[in-house]
Protein backbone atom coordinates (compact mmCIF):
# COMPACT_ATOMS: atom_id res chain seq x y z
CA UNK A 1 4.52 -3.56 -21.27
CA UNK A 2 6.25 -0.18 -21.09
CA UNK A 3 9.59 -1.34 -19.71
CA UNK A 4 11.75 0.26 -22.43
CA UNK A 5 10.22 3.72 -21.94
CA UNK A 6 10.33 3.33 -18.14
CA UNK A 7 14.04 2.44 -18.19
CA UNK A 8 14.81 5.41 -20.48
CA UNK A 9 12.84 7.75 -18.21
CA UNK A 10 14.52 6.43 -15.06
CA UNK A 11 17.96 6.87 -16.61
CA UNK A 12 17.32 10.64 -16.69
CA UNK A 13 16.43 10.87 -12.99
CA UNK A 14 18.46 13.28 -10.88
CA UNK A 15 20.71 11.80 -8.17
CA UNK A 16 20.45 8.43 -9.87
CA UNK A 17 16.84 8.27 -8.75
CA UNK A 18 17.65 8.65 -5.06
CA UNK A 19 15.26 10.81 -3.04
CA UNK A 20 16.47 13.24 -0.38
CA UNK A 21 13.07 14.62 0.63
CA UNK A 22 11.10 12.92 3.41
CA UNK A 23 9.18 9.84 2.31
CA UNK A 24 6.44 7.95 4.16
CA UNK A 25 5.81 4.29 3.32
CA UNK A 26 2.71 2.68 4.79
CA UNK A 27 3.18 -1.08 5.02
CA UNK A 28 0.25 -3.50 5.13
CA UNK A 29 0.87 -6.91 6.72
CA UNK A 30 -2.09 -8.53 4.94
CA UNK A 31 -1.17 -7.23 1.48
CA UNK A 32 -0.23 -10.33 -0.47
CA UNK A 33 -0.21 -8.41 -3.77
CA UNK A 34 2.65 -6.12 -2.71
CA UNK A 35 4.16 -8.07 0.18
CA UNK A 36 6.79 -6.03 2.05
CA UNK A 37 6.67 -7.50 5.55
CA UNK A 38 8.73 -10.65 5.03
CA UNK A 39 10.19 -10.21 1.56
CA UNK A 40 12.97 -7.95 0.29
CA UNK A 41 10.54 -6.14 -2.04
CA UNK A 42 10.99 -2.80 -0.23
CA UNK A 43 14.80 -2.93 -0.06
CA UNK A 44 15.41 -0.69 -3.12
CA UNK A 45 13.21 1.98 -1.55
CA UNK A 46 15.13 1.75 1.72
CA UNK A 47 18.35 2.16 -0.23
CA UNK A 48 17.17 5.06 -2.42
CA UNK A 49 15.24 7.16 0.13
CA UNK A 50 17.57 9.07 2.45
CA UNK A 51 14.77 10.11 4.86
CA UNK A 52 12.36 7.16 4.87
CA UNK A 53 9.74 6.52 7.54
CA UNK A 54 7.96 3.17 7.51
CA UNK A 55 4.66 2.67 9.35
CA UNK A 56 2.63 -0.53 9.56
CA UNK A 57 -1.14 -0.26 9.20
CA UNK A 58 -3.04 -3.53 9.80
CA UNK A 59 -4.60 -3.87 6.38
CA UNK A 60 -4.63 -5.64 3.07
CA UNK A 61 -3.76 -4.22 -0.35
CA UNK A 62 -6.42 -1.47 -0.36
CA UNK A 63 -4.97 0.21 2.72
CA UNK A 64 -6.61 3.64 2.35
CA UNK A 65 -10.03 2.11 1.75
CA UNK A 66 -9.70 -0.59 4.43
CA UNK A 67 -8.23 1.57 7.21
CA UNK A 68 -8.92 5.25 6.36
CA UNK A 69 -8.76 6.48 9.97
CA UNK A 70 -5.43 4.75 10.63
CA UNK A 71 -3.99 5.93 7.30
CA UNK A 72 -5.00 9.53 8.03
CA UNK A 73 -3.61 9.25 11.57
CA UNK A 74 -0.30 7.96 10.23
CA UNK A 75 -0.17 10.80 7.68
CA UNK A 76 -0.97 13.45 10.32
CA UNK A 77 1.64 12.06 12.73
CA UNK A 78 4.27 11.94 9.97
CA UNK A 79 3.46 15.47 8.77
CA UNK A 80 3.64 16.79 12.33
CA UNK A 81 7.10 15.26 12.70
CA UNK A 82 8.54 16.03 9.26
CA UNK A 83 6.92 19.41 8.60
CA UNK A 84 6.74 20.80 12.13
CA UNK A 85 7.36 24.33 10.87
CA UNK A 86 4.17 24.31 8.78
CA UNK A 87 2.06 21.55 10.37
CA UNK A 88 0.84 22.03 13.93
CA UNK A 89 1.76 19.28 16.39
């Protein structure tokens, strides 16, 4: 419903919208709303994120609510690896 404004906003993005900072993507194999396991839905992100880490958490669409311990563990592990200078291992 807001596609015109979204396209105009995206056109102003630096680096053509590509991200150079570290990015964590938590994938959920039972998420049929945003299916990224077998489809090509995540391909643009893989193309536009120079430092992308993908982690699979066995969950459905509401990943943080369904698997809070595993989500927090994945975040802590990723932070320890990507921000080792400020996050204790």
